[in-house]
C-alpha atoms as a PDB file:
ATOM      1  CA  MET A   1     115.517  76.834  96.611  1.00  0.00           C
ATOM      2  CA  LYS A   2     118.126  79.598  96.934  1.00  0.00           C
ATOM      3  CA  ILE A   3     117.713  82.223  94.220  1.00  0.00           C
ATOM      4  CA  ILE A   4     119.005  85.648  93.202  1.00  0.00           C
ATOM      5  CA  LEU A   5     116.779  87.866  91.048  1.00  0.00           C
ATOM      6  CA  LEU A   6     118.580  90.233  88.674  1.00  0.00           C
ATOM      7  CA  GLY A   7     116.990  92.865  86.461  1.00  0.00           C
ATOM      8  CA  PRO A   8     116.792  96.640  86.061  1.00  0.00           C
ATOM      9  CA  PRO A   9     114.205  98.782  87.861  1.00  0.00           C
ATOM     10  CA  GLY A  10     110.714  97.955  86.636  1.00  0.00           C
ATOM     11  CA  ALA A  11     111.654  94.570  85.158  1.00  0.00           C
ATOM     12  CA  GLY A  12     109.106  92.819  87.364  1.00  0.00           C
ATOM     13  CA  LYS A  13     111.390  91.349  90.015  1.00  0.00           C
ATOM     14  CA  GLY A  14     108.968  92.118  92.840  1.00  0.00           C
ATOM     15  CA  THR A  15     106.042  90.507  91.034  1.00  0.00           C
ATOM     16  CA  GLN A  16     107.984  87.367  90.183  1.00  0.00           C
ATOM     17  CA  ALA A  17     109.482  87.168  93.668  1.00  0.00           C
ATOM     18  CA  ALA A  18     105.982  87.153  95.182  1.00  0.00           C
ATOM     19  CA  LEU A  19     104.946  84.265  92.931  1.00  0.00           C
ATOM     20  CA  LEU A  20     108.115  82.312  93.729  1.00  0.00           C
ATOM     21  CA  MET A  21     107.575  82.875  97.454  1.00  0.00           C
ATOM     22  CA  GLU A  22     104.176  81.217  97.159  1.00  0.00           C
ATOM     23  CA  LYS A  23     105.464  78.397  94.954  1.00  0.00           C
ATOM     24  CA  TYR A  24     108.443  77.398  97.116  1.00  0.00           C
ATOM     25  CA  SER A  25     107.343  78.751 100.533  1.00  0.00           C
ATOM     26  CA  ILE A  26     110.543  80.764 100.908  1.00  0.00           C
ATOM     27  CA  PRO A  27     111.012  84.444 101.840  1.00  0.00           C
ATOM     28  CA  GLN A  28     111.887  87.331  99.556  1.00  0.00           C
ATOM     29  CA  VAL A  29     114.934  89.037 101.016  1.00  0.00           C
ATOM     30  CA  SER A  30     115.459  92.599  99.783  1.00  0.00           C
ATOM     31  CA  THR A  31     118.244  94.960 100.818  1.00  0.00           C
ATOM     32  CA  GLY A  32     115.816  97.651 101.959  1.00  0.00           C
ATOM     33  CA  ASP A  33     113.781  95.219 104.056  1.00  0.00           C
ATOM     34  CA  MET A  34     116.928  93.794 105.627  1.00  0.00           C
ATOM     35  CA  LEU A  35     118.277  97.225 106.541  1.00  0.00           C
ATOM     36  CA  ARG A  36     115.012  98.357 108.087  1.00  0.00           C
ATOM     37  CA  ALA A  37     114.586  95.106 110.037  1.00  0.00           C
ATOM     38  CA  ALA A  38     118.165  95.177 111.325  1.00  0.00           C
ATOM     39  CA  VAL A  39     117.829  98.804 112.449  1.00  0.00           C
ATOM     40  CA  GLN A  40     114.518  98.113 114.166  1.00  0.00           C
ATOM     41  CA  ALA A  41     115.910  95.006 115.885  1.00  0.00           C
ATOM     42  CA  GLN A  42     118.986  97.012 116.950  1.00  0.00           C
ATOM     43  CA  SER A  43     121.289  94.189 115.932  1.00  0.00           C
ATOM     44  CA  PRO A  44     125.017  95.039 115.934  1.00  0.00           C
ATOM     45  CA  MET A  45     124.987  95.538 112.166  1.00  0.00           C
ATOM     46  CA  GLY A  46     121.686  97.405 112.360  1.00  0.00           C
ATOM     47  CA  ILE A  47     123.150  99.877 114.855  1.00  0.00           C
ATOM     48  CA  GLU A  48     126.154 100.403 112.577  1.00  0.00           C
ATOM     49  CA  ALA A  49     123.922 100.859 109.528  1.00  0.00           C
ATOM     50  CA  LYS A  50     121.797 103.442 111.353  1.00  0.00           C
ATOM     51  CA  LYS A  51     124.870 105.603 112.016  1.00  0.00           C
ATOM     52  CA  HIS A  52     125.505 105.914 108.268  1.00  0.00           C
ATOM     53  CA  MET A  53     121.819 106.356 107.415  1.00  0.00           C
ATOM     54  CA  ASN A  54     121.385 109.120 110.000  1.00  0.00           C
ATOM     55  CA  ALA A  55     124.429 110.880 108.588  1.00  0.00           C
ATOM     56  CA  GLY A  56     122.869 110.771 105.119  1.00  0.00           C
ATOM     57  CA  GLY A  57     125.534 108.462 103.695  1.00  0.00           C
ATOM     58  CA  LEU A  58     125.435 105.122 101.934  1.00  0.00           C
ATOM     59  CA  VAL A  59     125.666 102.024 104.089  1.00  0.00           C
ATOM     60  CA  PRO A  60     129.127 100.486 103.407  1.00  0.00           C
ATOM     61  CA  ASP A  61     129.356  97.081 101.754  1.00  0.00           C
ATOM     62  CA  ASN A  62     130.833  95.426 104.843  1.00  0.00           C
ATOM     63  CA  VAL A  63     127.807  96.483 106.900  1.00  0.00           C
ATOM     64  CA  VAL A  64     125.329  95.373 104.213  1.00  0.00           C
ATOM     65  CA  ILE A  65     127.107  92.020 103.976  1.00  0.00           C
ATOM     66  CA  GLY A  66     126.900  91.651 107.747  1.00  0.00           C
ATOM     67  CA  ILE A  67     123.163  92.298 107.632  1.00  0.00           C
ATOM     68  CA  VAL A  68     122.747  89.775 104.809  1.00  0.00           C
ATOM     69  CA  ARG A  69     124.608  87.218 106.906  1.00  0.00           C
ATOM     70  CA  GLU A  70     122.302  87.874 109.884  1.00  0.00           C
ATOM     71  CA  ARG A  71     119.189  87.588 107.707  1.00  0.00           C
ATOM     72  CA  LEU A  72     120.193  84.351 105.976  1.00  0.00           C
ATOM     73  CA  GLN A  73     120.716  82.681 109.342  1.00  0.00           C
ATOM     74  CA  GLU A  74     117.110  83.259 110.414  1.00  0.00           C
ATOM     75  CA  ASP A  75     114.755  80.287 110.604  1.00  0.00           C
ATOM     76  CA  ASP A  76     112.605  81.191 107.589  1.00  0.00           C
ATOM     77  CA  CYS A  77     115.669  81.106 105.305  1.00  0.00           C
ATOM     78  CA  GLN A  78     116.733  77.575 106.176  1.00  0.00           C
ATOM     79  CA  GLU A  79     114.798  76.027 103.262  1.00  0.00           C
ATOM     80  CA  GLY A  80     115.745  78.770 100.836  1.00  0.00           C
ATOM     81  CA  PHE A  81     115.384  82.447  99.949  1.00  0.00           C
ATOM     82  CA  ILE A  82     114.998  84.905  97.088  1.00  0.00           C
ATOM     83  CA  LEU A  83     117.585  87.681  97.120  1.00  0.00           C
ATOM     84  CA  ASP A  84     116.174  90.807  95.459  1.00  0.00           C
ATOM     85  CA  GLY A  85     118.332  93.914  95.044  1.00  0.00           C
ATOM     86  CA  PHE A  86     121.478  92.204  96.270  1.00  0.00           C
ATOM     87  CA  PRO A  87     124.197  91.767  95.163  1.00  0.00           C
ATOM     88  CA  ARG A  88     124.497  94.894  93.011  1.00  0.00           C
ATOM     89  CA  THR A  89     128.240  94.843  92.289  1.00  0.00           C
ATOM     90  CA  ARG A  90     131.075  92.367  91.725  1.00  0.00           C
ATOM     91  CA  PRO A  91     132.599  92.991  95.204  1.00  0.00           C
ATOM     92  CA  GLN A  92     129.196  92.318  96.787  1.00  0.00           C
ATOM     93  CA  ALA A  93     128.868  89.103  94.753  1.00  0.00           C
ATOM     94  CA  ASP A  94     132.310  87.976  95.932  1.00  0.00           C
ATOM     95  CA  SER A  95     131.390  88.721  99.551  1.00  0.00           C
ATOM     96  CA  LEU A  96     128.063  86.911  99.227  1.00  0.00           C
ATOM     97  CA  LYS A  97     129.840  83.837  97.898  1.00  0.00           C
ATOM     98  CA  GLN A  98     132.097  83.823 100.943  1.00  0.00           C
ATOM     99  CA  VAL A  99     129.143  84.245 103.324  1.00  0.00           C
ATOM    100  CA  LEU A 100     127.258  81.365 101.716  1.00  0.00           C
ATOM    101  CA  VAL A 101     130.296  79.098 102.004  1.00  0.00           C
ATOM    102  CA  GLU A 102     130.663  79.996 105.677  1.00  0.00           C
ATOM    103  CA  LEU A 103     126.957  79.282 106.266  1.00  0.00           C
ATOM    104  CA  GLY A 104     127.070  76.016 104.355  1.00  0.00           C
ATOM    105  CA  LYS A 105     124.591  77.263 101.746  1.00  0.00           C
ATOM    106  CA  LYS A 106     124.764  77.168  97.958  1.00  0.00           C
ATOM    107  CA  LEU A 107     122.872  79.110  95.306  1.00  0.00           C
ATOM    108  CA  ASP A 108     120.614  77.112  92.997  1.00  0.00           C
ATOM    109  CA  ALA A 109     120.097  79.762  90.322  1.00  0.00           C
ATOM    110  CA  VAL A 110     120.450  83.421  89.390  1.00  0.00           C
ATOM    111  CA  ILE A 111     117.444  84.547  87.358  1.00  0.00           C
ATOM    112  CA  SER A 112     118.101  87.530  85.093  1.00  0.00           C
ATOM    113  CA  LEU A 113     114.994  89.216  83.669  1.00  0.00           C
ATOM    114  CA  GLN A 114     115.869  90.483  80.186  1.00  0.00           C
ATOM    115  CA  VAL A 115     114.063  93.662  79.149  1.00  0.00           C
ATOM    116  CA  ASP A 116     114.130  96.258  76.365  1.00  0.00           C
ATOM    117  CA  THR A 117     115.120  99.672  77.708  1.00  0.00           C
ATOM    118  CA  ASP A 118     112.693 101.741  75.609  1.00  0.00           C
ATOM    119  CA  ALA A 119     109.799  99.383  76.344  1.00  0.00           C
ATOM    120  CA  LEU A 120     110.669  99.483  80.021  1.00  0.00           C
ATOM    121  CA  VAL A 121     110.704 103.289  80.003  1.00  0.00           C
ATOM    122  CA  GLU A 122     107.219 103.256  78.470  1.00  0.00           C
ATOM    123  CA  ARG A 123     106.047 100.746  81.082  1.00  0.00           C
ATOM    124  CA  LEU A 124     107.297 102.876  83.968  1.00  0.00           C
ATOM    125  CA  THR A 125     106.528 106.391  82.750  1.00  0.00           C
ATOM    126  CA  GLY A 126     102.920 105.379  82.152  1.00  0.00           C
ATOM    127  CA  ARG A 127     102.282 104.416  85.769  1.00  0.00           C
ATOM    128  CA  ARG A 128      99.925 106.558  87.835  1.00  0.00           C
ATOM    129  CA  THR A 129      98.636 106.205  91.409  1.00  0.00           C
ATOM    130  CA  CYS A 130      95.448 107.607  92.941  1.00  0.00           C
ATOM    131  CA  SER A 131      96.262 110.111  95.684  1.00  0.00           C
ATOM    132  CA  ASP A 132      93.053 109.186  97.552  1.00  0.00           C
ATOM    133  CA  CYS A 133      92.568 105.391  97.424  1.00  0.00           C
ATOM    134  CA  GLY A 134      96.048 104.293  96.313  1.00  0.00           C
ATOM    135  CA  LYS A 135      94.866 102.310  93.264  1.00  0.00           C
ATOM    136  CA  GLY A 136      97.417 102.010  90.474  1.00  0.00           C
ATOM    137  CA  PHE A 137      96.859 102.554  86.754  1.00  0.00           C
ATOM    138  CA  HIS A 138      98.821 102.633  83.514  1.00  0.00           C
ATOM    139  CA  LEU A 139      98.046 105.180  80.805  1.00  0.00           C
ATOM    140  CA  ARG A 140      98.272 102.494  78.107  1.00  0.00           C
ATOM    141  CA  PHE A 141      97.807  99.069  79.677  1.00  0.00           C
ATOM    142  CA  ASP A 142      95.312  99.851  82.470  1.00  0.00           C
ATOM    143  CA  PRO A 143      93.995 103.358  81.741  1.00  0.00           C
ATOM    144  CA  PRO A 144      92.177 105.595  84.232  1.00  0.00           C
ATOM    145  CA  ALA A 145      88.806 107.219  83.588  1.00  0.00           C
ATOM    146  CA  GLU A 146      88.404 109.292  80.402  1.00  0.00           C
ATOM    147  CA  ASP A 147      88.952 112.516  82.329  1.00  0.00           C
ATOM    148  CA  GLY A 148      92.216 111.171  83.766  1.00  0.00           C
ATOM    149  CA  SER A 149      90.846 110.517  87.241  1.00  0.00           C
ATOM    150  CA  CYS A 150      90.706 107.318  89.309  1.00  0.00           C
ATOM    151  CA  ARG A 151      88.133 104.843  87.997  1.00  0.00           C
ATOM    152  CA  TYR A 152      87.342 103.725  91.550  1.00  0.00           C
ATOM    153  CA  CYS A 153      86.944 106.905  93.589  1.00  0.00           C
ATOM    154  CA  GLY A 154      87.406 109.784  91.153  1.00  0.00           C
ATOM    155  CA  GLY A 155      90.569 110.921  92.897  1.00  0.00           C
ATOM    156  CA  LYS A 156      93.492 112.727  91.292  1.00  0.00           C
ATOM    157  CA  LEU A 157      96.244 110.560  89.819  1.00  0.00           C
ATOM    158  CA  ASN A 158      99.911 111.290  90.462  1.00  0.00           C
ATOM    159  CA  GLN A 159     103.152 110.172  88.860  1.00  0.00           C
ATOM    160  CA  ARG A 160     105.976 109.184  91.203  1.00  0.00           C
ATOM    161  CA  ASP A 161     109.167 111.198  90.799  1.00  0.00           C
ATOM    162  CA  ASP A 162     111.164 108.026  90.157  1.00  0.00           C
ATOM    163  CA  ASP A 163     108.797 107.125  87.284  1.00  0.00           C
ATOM    164  CA  ARG A 164     109.832 110.144  85.224  1.00  0.00           C
ATOM    165  CA  GLU A 165     111.794 109.348  82.062  1.00  0.00           C
ATOM    166  CA  GLU A 166     115.011 111.170  83.005  1.00  0.00           C
ATOM    167  CA  THR A 167     115.126 109.432  86.378  1.00  0.00           C
ATOM    168  CA  ILE A 168     114.380 106.010  84.884  1.00  0.00           C
ATOM    169  CA  ARG A 169     117.048 106.284  82.208  1.00  0.00           C
ATOM    170  CA  ASN A 170     119.587 107.352  84.822  1.00  0.00           C
ATOM    171  CA  ARG A 171     118.677 104.358  87.006  1.00  0.00           C
ATOM    172  CA  MET A 172     118.983 102.096  83.965  1.00  0.00           C
ATOM    173  CA  LYS A 173     122.426 103.555  83.210  1.00  0.00           C
ATOM    174  CA  VAL A 174     123.573 102.880  86.776  1.00  0.00           C
ATOM    175  CA  TYR A 175     122.223  99.326  86.550  1.00  0.00           C
ATOM    176  CA  GLN A 176     124.048  98.664  83.271  1.00  0.00           C
ATOM    177  CA  GLN A 177     127.309  99.981  84.723  1.00  0.00           C
ATOM    178  CA  GLN A 178     127.189  98.325  88.144  1.00  0.00           C
ATOM    179  CA  THR A 179     124.896  95.313  88.139  1.00  0.00           C
ATOM    180  CA  ALA A 180     124.530  94.004  84.580  1.00  0.00           C
ATOM    181  CA  PRO A 181     128.160  92.702  84.615  1.00  0.00           C
ATOM    182  CA  LEU A 182     127.010  90.189  87.242  1.00  0.00           C
ATOM    183  CA  GLU A 183     125.347  88.257  84.421  1.00  0.00           C
ATOM    184  CA  ASP A 184     128.776  87.193  83.138  1.00  0.00           C
ATOM    185  CA  TYR A 185     129.916  86.570  86.721  1.00  0.00           C
ATOM    186  CA  TYR A 186     127.110  84.111  87.388  1.00  0.00           C
ATOM    187  CA  ARG A 187     127.179  82.679  83.864  1.00  0.00           C
ATOM    188  CA  GLN A 188     130.744  81.550  84.560  1.00  0.00           C
ATOM    189  CA  GLU A 189     129.476  79.971  87.784  1.00  0.00           C
ATOM    190  CA  GLY A 190     126.916  78.001  85.772  1.00  0.00           C
ATOM    191  CA  LEU A 191     124.066  79.634  87.690  1.00  0.00           C
ATOM    192  CA  LEU A 192     122.612  82.209  85.280  1.00  0.00           C
ATOM    193  CA  VAL A 193     119.093  81.708  83.929  1.00  0.00           C
ATOM    194  CA  ALA A 194     118.143  84.393  81.371  1.00  0.00           C
ATOM    195  CA  VAL A 195     114.382  84.903  81.034  1.00  0.00           C
ATOM    196  CA  ASP A 196     112.449  87.228  78.705  1.00  0.00           C
ATOM    197  CA  GLY A 197     110.976  89.762  81.105  1.00  0.00           C
ATOM    198  CA  MET A 198     108.870  91.494  78.443  1.00  0.00           C
ATOM    199  CA  SER A 199     106.293  88.697  78.231  1.00  0.00           C
ATOM    200  CA  ASP A 200     103.159  88.753  80.367  1.00  0.00           C
ATOM    201  CA  ILE A 201     103.462  87.879  84.056  1.00  0.00           C
ATOM    202  CA  ALA A 202     102.215  84.292  83.715  1.00  0.00           C
ATOM    203  CA  ALA A 203     104.558  83.535  80.798  1.00  0.00           C
ATOM    204  CA  VAL A 204     107.572  84.931  82.657  1.00  0.00           C
ATOM    205  CA  GLN A 205     106.678  82.880  85.728  1.00  0.00           C
ATOM    206  CA  GLN A 206     106.303  79.686  83.676  1.00  0.00           C
ATOM    207  CA  ALA A 207     109.686  80.278  81.987  1.00  0.00           C
ATOM    208  CA  ILE A 208     111.318  80.701  85.398  1.00  0.00           C
ATOM    209  CA  LEU A 209     109.723  77.540  86.813  1.00  0.00           C
ATOM    210  CA  VAL A 210     110.771  75.511  83.782  1.00  0.00           C
ATOM    211  CA  ALA A 211     114.348  76.804  84.104  1.00  0.00           C
ATOM    212  CA  LEU A 212     114.429  75.918  87.804  1.00  0.00           C
ATOM    213  CA  GLN A 213     113.344  72.318  87.292  1.00  0.00           C
ATOM    214  CA  GLY A 214     116.073  69.932  88.370  1.00  0.00           C
ATOM    215  CA  ARG A 215     118.167  72.607  90.077  1.00  0.00           C
END
């Protein structure tokens, strides 16, 4: 099964990817993981990517595409993969299509997790993490102790900078401008599967599995 996961930050892509990995015995392939692995392996594209990263710049699309190509040729991707965080733009989607043709691979589905922006902001801004034991909480859905400390060790809870409302709404705006248009792109390809990402984890997973049947 060869799948792309689309959805804004906090939509649950990582959670659903982990469940799909177990179901289909295929790897989750994220842009960040690919970049780090390529740099560590000192592959030709990894060396090129490191130059841009060390200079504090964005890694150009042609380098990212090269790293994707390298990753999809590895043994664990032969039976399928879950692309998470890539492609992000129309040019990247066009390049990915070309790479897949060259590798003799074909996408089975593009799963788009549909979420409500305000609900998503509430979901993300409520997250807290214990600075001592690393346990995660949510102020509404999985609250900490009454005094606001960790229920497990009593440690102080912190909010990540990227979980603050201003940051989240900015990330959502970028997603809507750059990545959301890929829904129409893949809908025209007959690959898009829209799933309600606001349901509970099990319900979202079941909807995805039902949609993937026969693909």
